[in-house]
Amino acid sequence: MNDCIFCKIIKGEIPSQKVYDSPTLLAFKDIHPVSPVHILIIPKKHIPSLSDAAAADQALLGEMLLAAKNIASEKELSDYRIIINNGRGSGQTVFHIHLHLLSGRLFTWPPG
């Protein structure tokens, strides 16, 4: 997608603070963090939202979760939250599927 900010980050057109890079995924620090640790994990394949994911994306979606686990382990995070927003009503603002890895503060349930 030509106008997708995450696609531009993947292409290197927009700088980011990378924390993980593989052939299929990129993870970087969020520029508007909501917690001391706020990392976005995105597939290099453009998928607008979880609702747009297909059965063929199953391994990629699982890889995103395992990358989150591995990043948390590398950063020695024992407690963390993983979030995927789907659609505007849930708070999704960038329409390229992404996972938020949050840590470094107390989280409550339900989120407020």
N, C-alpha and C. Protein backbone atom coordinates (compact mmCIF):
# COMPACT_ATOMS: atom_id res chain seq x y z
N MET A 1 0.86 -1.18 0.00
CA MET A 1 0.00 0.00 0.00
C MET A 1 0.90 1.23 0.00
N ASN A 2 0.66 2.12 -0.92
CA ASN A 2 1.50 3.31 -1.06
C ASN A 2 1.35 4.30 0.08
N ASP A 3 0.17 4.39 0.68
CA ASP A 3 -0.06 5.40 1.73
C ASP A 3 0.00 4.82 3.14
N CYS A 4 0.39 3.56 3.29
CA CYS A 4 0.43 2.91 4.60
C CYS A 4 1.73 3.26 5.31
N ILE A 5 1.61 3.88 6.48
CA ILE A 5 2.80 4.29 7.23
C ILE A 5 3.66 3.10 7.63
N PHE A 6 3.05 1.97 7.96
CA PHE A 6 3.84 0.80 8.34
C PHE A 6 4.57 0.22 7.14
N CYS A 7 3.95 0.24 5.97
CA CYS A 7 4.63 -0.22 4.76
C CYS A 7 5.83 0.68 4.46
N LYS A 8 5.68 1.97 4.72
CA LYS A 8 6.80 2.90 4.52
C LYS A 8 7.92 2.63 5.53
N ILE A 9 7.58 2.28 6.75
CA ILE A 9 8.59 1.91 7.75
C ILE A 9 9.31 0.64 7.32
N ILE A 10 8.57 -0.34 6.84
CA ILE A 10 9.17 -1.59 6.36
C ILE A 10 10.16 -1.31 5.23
N LYS A 11 9.80 -0.41 4.31
CA LYS A 11 10.66 -0.07 3.17
C LYS A 11 11.84 0.82 3.56
N GLY A 12 11.83 1.32 4.80
CA GLY A 12 12.90 2.20 5.23
C GLY A 12 12.69 3.66 4.84
N GLU A 13 11.51 3.99 4.34
CA GLU A 13 11.21 5.37 3.93
C GLU A 13 10.94 6.25 5.15
N ILE A 14 10.54 5.65 6.25
CA ILE A 14 10.31 6.35 7.52
C ILE A 14 11.16 5.63 8.56
N PRO A 15 11.95 6.38 9.33
CA PRO A 15 12.80 5.72 10.32
C PRO A 15 12.01 5.16 11.49
N SER A 16 12.58 4.15 12.12
CA SER A 16 11.98 3.55 13.31
C SER A 16 13.10 3.04 14.21
N GLN A 17 12.76 2.83 15.46
CA GLN A 17 13.69 2.23 16.41
C GLN A 17 13.41 0.73 16.44
N LYS A 18 14.07 0.00 15.55
CA LYS A 18 13.83 -1.43 15.40
C LYS A 18 14.33 -2.20 16.62
N VAL A 19 13.54 -3.18 17.01
CA VAL A 19 13.96 -4.10 18.06
C VAL A 19 14.00 -5.55 17.56
N TYR A 20 13.43 -5.79 16.37
CA TYR A 20 13.40 -7.14 15.80
C TYR A 20 13.14 -7.00 14.32
N ASP A 21 13.87 -7.80 13.53
CA ASP A 21 13.69 -7.78 12.08
C ASP A 21 13.93 -9.18 11.56
N SER A 22 12.96 -9.71 10.85
CA SER A 22 13.10 -11.03 10.22
C SER A 22 12.62 -10.90 8.78
N PRO A 23 12.73 -11.94 8.00
CA PRO A 23 12.22 -11.85 6.62
C PRO A 23 10.72 -11.54 6.53
N THR A 24 9.96 -11.88 7.58
CA THR A 24 8.51 -11.72 7.50
C THR A 24 7.93 -10.70 8.48
N LEU A 25 8.69 -10.33 9.53
CA LEU A 25 8.19 -9.43 10.57
C LEU A 25 9.16 -8.30 10.86
N LEU A 26 8.60 -7.22 11.38
CA LEU A 26 9.40 -6.11 11.89
C LEU A 26 8.78 -5.67 13.21
N ALA A 27 9.62 -5.38 14.19
CA ALA A 27 9.14 -4.87 15.48
C ALA A 27 9.94 -3.61 15.79
N PHE A 28 9.23 -2.59 16.31
CA PHE A 28 9.87 -1.32 16.60
C PHE A 28 9.14 -0.63 17.73
N LYS A 29 9.82 0.33 18.36
CA LYS A 29 9.21 1.08 19.46
C LYS A 29 8.14 2.01 18.92
N ASP A 30 7.00 2.05 19.62
CA ASP A 30 5.90 2.95 19.26
C ASP A 30 6.31 4.39 19.54
N ILE A 31 6.00 5.30 18.61
CA ILE A 31 6.39 6.71 18.81
C ILE A 31 5.45 7.43 19.77
N HIS A 32 4.32 6.81 20.10
CA HIS A 32 3.38 7.37 21.08
C HIS A 32 3.09 6.29 22.13
N PRO A 33 4.09 5.94 22.95
CA PRO A 33 3.91 4.82 23.89
C PRO A 33 2.87 5.11 24.96
N VAL A 34 2.15 4.05 25.34
CA VAL A 34 1.17 4.14 26.42
C VAL A 34 1.67 3.42 27.67
N SER A 35 2.87 2.89 27.59
CA SER A 35 3.52 2.25 28.74
C SER A 35 5.03 2.37 28.54
N PRO A 36 5.81 2.16 29.61
CA PRO A 36 7.27 2.28 29.47
C PRO A 36 7.85 1.41 28.35
N VAL A 37 7.31 0.22 28.17
CA VAL A 37 7.67 -0.62 27.03
C VAL A 37 6.43 -0.69 26.13
N HIS A 38 6.58 -0.23 24.89
CA HIS A 38 5.48 -0.28 23.92
C HIS A 38 6.11 -0.55 22.56
N ILE A 39 6.02 -1.80 22.16
CA ILE A 39 6.63 -2.25 20.91
C ILE A 39 5.52 -2.71 19.97
N LEU A 40 5.62 -2.32 18.71
CA LEU A 40 4.69 -2.77 17.68
C LEU A 40 5.34 -3.88 16.88
N ILE A 41 4.60 -4.94 16.65
CA ILE A 41 5.08 -6.07 15.85
C ILE A 41 4.17 -6.16 14.64
N ILE A 42 4.77 -6.04 13.46
CA ILE A 42 3.99 -5.99 12.22
C ILE A 42 4.51 -7.01 11.21
N PRO A 43 3.61 -7.58 10.42
CA PRO A 43 4.08 -8.42 9.33
C PRO A 43 4.54 -7.52 8.17
N LYS A 44 5.50 -8.01 7.42
CA LYS A 44 5.95 -7.26 6.25
C LYS A 44 4.94 -7.36 5.10
N LYS A 45 4.07 -8.34 5.19
CA LYS A 45 2.95 -8.46 4.24
C LYS A 45 1.86 -7.51 4.71
N HIS A 46 1.33 -6.70 3.80
CA HIS A 46 0.26 -5.77 4.17
C HIS A 46 -1.06 -6.54 4.31
N ILE A 47 -1.57 -6.56 5.53
CA ILE A 47 -2.90 -7.09 5.84
C ILE A 47 -3.57 -5.97 6.62
N PRO A 48 -4.66 -5.39 6.14
CA PRO A 48 -5.26 -4.22 6.79
C PRO A 48 -5.69 -4.44 8.24
N SER A 49 -6.28 -5.59 8.55
CA SER A 49 -6.77 -5.84 9.91
C SER A 49 -6.89 -7.34 10.12
N LEU A 50 -7.15 -7.73 11.36
CA LEU A 50 -7.33 -9.15 11.64
C LEU A 50 -8.51 -9.71 10.85
N SER A 51 -9.53 -8.90 10.65
CA SER A 51 -10.68 -9.35 9.85
C SER A 51 -10.31 -9.66 8.41
N ASP A 52 -9.22 -9.08 7.93
CA ASP A 52 -8.78 -9.29 6.55
C ASP A 52 -7.80 -10.46 6.42
N ALA A 53 -7.38 -11.04 7.53
CA ALA A 53 -6.45 -12.16 7.48
C ALA A 53 -7.16 -13.39 6.91
N ALA A 54 -6.39 -14.18 6.16
CA ALA A 54 -6.93 -15.39 5.55
C ALA A 54 -6.31 -16.62 6.20
N ALA A 55 -6.86 -17.77 5.89
CA ALA A 55 -6.31 -19.02 6.41
C ALA A 55 -4.83 -19.14 6.04
N ALA A 56 -4.45 -18.64 4.89
CA ALA A 56 -3.05 -18.69 4.45
C ALA A 56 -2.13 -17.85 5.34
N ASP A 57 -2.69 -16.95 6.15
CA ASP A 57 -1.91 -16.10 7.06
C ASP A 57 -1.73 -16.71 8.45
N GLN A 58 -2.25 -17.90 8.66
CA GLN A 58 -2.23 -18.51 9.98
C GLN A 58 -0.82 -18.59 10.56
N ALA A 59 0.15 -19.06 9.79
CA ALA A 59 1.52 -19.19 10.30
C ALA A 59 2.11 -17.82 10.61
N LEU A 60 1.82 -16.83 9.80
CA LEU A 60 2.32 -15.47 10.02
C LEU A 60 1.76 -14.88 11.30
N LEU A 61 0.47 -15.10 11.55
CA LEU A 61 -0.15 -14.60 12.79
C LEU A 61 0.46 -15.28 14.02
N GLY A 62 0.71 -16.57 13.92
CA GLY A 62 1.36 -17.28 15.01
C GLY A 62 2.79 -16.79 15.21
N GLU A 63 3.47 -16.49 14.12
CA GLU A 63 4.83 -15.97 14.20
C GLU A 63 4.86 -14.63 14.94
N MET A 64 3.82 -13.82 14.75
CA MET A 64 3.74 -12.54 15.46
C MET A 64 3.69 -12.76 16.97
N LEU A 65 2.90 -13.73 17.41
CA LEU A 65 2.80 -14.02 18.84
C LEU A 65 4.11 -14.57 19.39
N LEU A 66 4.75 -15.45 18.65
CA LEU A 66 6.03 -15.99 19.11
C LEU A 66 7.11 -14.92 19.14
N ALA A 67 7.07 -13.99 18.19
CA ALA A 67 8.03 -12.88 18.21
C ALA A 67 7.81 -12.03 19.46
N ALA A 68 6.55 -11.79 19.82
CA ALA A 68 6.25 -11.03 21.04
C ALA A 68 6.83 -11.73 22.26
N LYS A 69 6.63 -13.04 22.34
CA LYS A 69 7.17 -13.82 23.46
C LYS A 69 8.68 -13.73 23.50
N ASN A 70 9.33 -13.86 22.34
CA ASN A 70 10.79 -13.82 22.29
C ASN A 70 11.34 -12.43 22.62
N ILE A 71 10.69 -11.39 22.15
CA ILE A 71 11.12 -10.02 22.47
C ILE A 71 10.97 -9.79 23.97
N ALA A 72 9.85 -10.22 24.53
CA ALA A 72 9.62 -10.06 25.98
C ALA A 72 10.71 -10.81 26.76
N SER A 73 11.05 -11.98 26.31
CA SER A 73 12.09 -12.76 26.98
C SER A 73 13.45 -12.06 26.90
N GLU A 74 13.79 -11.56 25.71
CA GLU A 74 15.06 -10.85 25.53
C GLU A 74 15.14 -9.61 26.40
N LYS A 75 14.02 -8.95 26.60
CA LYS A 75 13.98 -7.73 27.41
C LYS A 75 13.72 -8.04 28.89
N GLU A 76 13.67 -9.34 29.20
CA GLU A 76 13.44 -9.80 30.57
C GLU A 76 12.15 -9.24 31.17
N LEU A 77 11.10 -9.26 30.37
CA LEU A 77 9.78 -8.82 30.82
C LEU A 77 9.03 -10.04 31.33
N SER A 78 8.70 -10.04 32.60
CA SER A 78 7.96 -11.17 33.14
C SER A 78 6.45 -10.98 32.98
N ASP A 79 6.01 -9.73 33.00
CA ASP A 79 4.59 -9.42 32.84
C ASP A 79 4.44 -8.49 31.65
N TYR A 80 3.52 -8.82 30.77
CA TYR A 80 3.28 -7.97 29.61
C TYR A 80 1.88 -8.23 29.07
N ARG A 81 1.42 -7.29 28.28
CA ARG A 81 0.10 -7.39 27.65
C ARG A 81 0.30 -7.34 26.14
N ILE A 82 -0.47 -8.14 25.44
CA ILE A 82 -0.47 -8.16 23.97
C ILE A 82 -1.85 -7.76 23.50
N ILE A 83 -1.88 -6.81 22.57
CA ILE A 83 -3.17 -6.30 22.07
C ILE A 83 -3.15 -6.26 20.55
N ILE A 84 -4.26 -6.67 19.95
CA ILE A 84 -4.51 -6.44 18.53
C ILE A 84 -5.87 -5.75 18.44
N ASN A 85 -5.87 -4.52 17.96
CA ASN A 85 -7.13 -3.81 17.75
C ASN A 85 -7.62 -4.12 16.35
N ASN A 86 -8.92 -4.30 16.19
CA ASN A 86 -9.51 -4.62 14.90
C ASN A 86 -10.66 -3.67 14.60
N GLY A 87 -10.41 -2.72 13.73
CA GLY A 87 -11.43 -1.75 13.33
C GLY A 87 -11.37 -0.46 14.12
N ARG A 88 -11.94 0.57 13.56
CA ARG A 88 -11.91 1.90 14.19
C ARG A 88 -12.53 1.92 15.58
N GLY A 89 -13.62 1.19 15.76
CA GLY A 89 -14.30 1.18 17.05
C GLY A 89 -13.47 0.58 18.18
N SER A 90 -12.46 -0.21 17.82
CA SER A 90 -11.60 -0.82 18.84
C SER A 90 -10.37 0.04 19.12
N GLY A 91 -10.19 1.08 18.31
CA GLY A 91 -9.02 1.93 18.48
C GLY A 91 -7.96 1.73 17.42
N GLN A 92 -8.21 0.91 16.41
CA GLN A 92 -7.22 0.73 15.35
C GLN A 92 -7.12 2.02 14.55
N THR A 93 -5.91 2.57 14.47
CA THR A 93 -5.70 3.82 13.73
C THR A 93 -4.83 3.64 12.51
N VAL A 94 -4.03 2.58 12.48
CA VAL A 94 -3.22 2.26 11.30
C VAL A 94 -3.75 0.94 10.76
N PHE A 95 -4.17 0.95 9.52
CA PHE A 95 -4.81 -0.22 8.94
C PHE A 95 -3.79 -1.10 8.21
N HIS A 96 -2.91 -1.61 9.04
CA HIS A 96 -1.92 -2.64 8.70
C HIS A 96 -1.84 -3.43 10.00
N ILE A 97 -2.28 -4.68 9.98
CA ILE A 97 -2.38 -5.44 11.23
C ILE A 97 -1.10 -5.30 12.03
N HIS A 98 -1.25 -5.13 13.32
CA HIS A 98 -0.10 -5.02 14.21
C HIS A 98 -0.48 -5.43 15.61
N LEU A 99 0.54 -5.88 16.31
CA LEU A 99 0.39 -6.34 17.68
C LEU A 99 1.13 -5.36 18.58
N HIS A 100 0.49 -4.95 19.65
CA HIS A 100 1.12 -4.08 20.66
C HIS A 100 1.65 -4.97 21.77
N LEU A 101 2.92 -4.83 22.08
CA LEU A 101 3.53 -5.50 23.23
C LEU A 101 3.77 -4.41 24.28
N LEU A 102 3.05 -4.49 25.39
CA LEU A 102 3.10 -3.46 26.44
C LEU A 102 3.61 -4.06 27.74
N SER A 103 4.45 -3.29 28.43
CA SER A 103 4.95 -3.73 29.73
C SER A 103 5.52 -2.53 30.47
N GLY A 104 5.90 -2.76 31.72
CA GLY A 104 6.56 -1.73 32.50
C GLY A 104 5.66 -0.94 33.42
N ARG A 105 4.39 -1.33 33.49
CA ARG A 105 3.46 -0.69 34.42
C ARG A 105 2.37 -1.69 34.79
N LEU A 106 1.60 -1.36 35.79
CA LEU A 106 0.50 -2.22 36.20
C LEU A 106 -0.67 -2.05 35.24
N PHE A 107 -1.20 -3.14 34.77
CA PHE A 107 -2.38 -3.13 33.90
C PHE A 107 -3.56 -3.66 34.70
N THR A 108 -4.73 -3.12 34.45
CA THR A 108 -5.94 -3.60 35.11
C THR A 108 -6.86 -4.24 34.10
N TRP A 109 -7.85 -4.94 34.62
CA TRP A 109 -8.86 -5.54 33.74
C TRP A 109 -10.23 -5.22 34.31
N PRO A 110 -11.14 -4.76 33.53
CA PRO A 110 -10.97 -4.51 32.11
C PRO A 110 -10.12 -3.27 31.85
N PRO A 111 -9.56 -3.16 30.63
CA PRO A 111 -8.74 -2.00 30.31
C PRO A 111 -9.57 -0.72 30.46
N GLY A 112 -8.94 0.32 30.89
CA GLY A 112 -9.68 1.57 31.07
C GLY A 112 -9.08 2.72 30.35
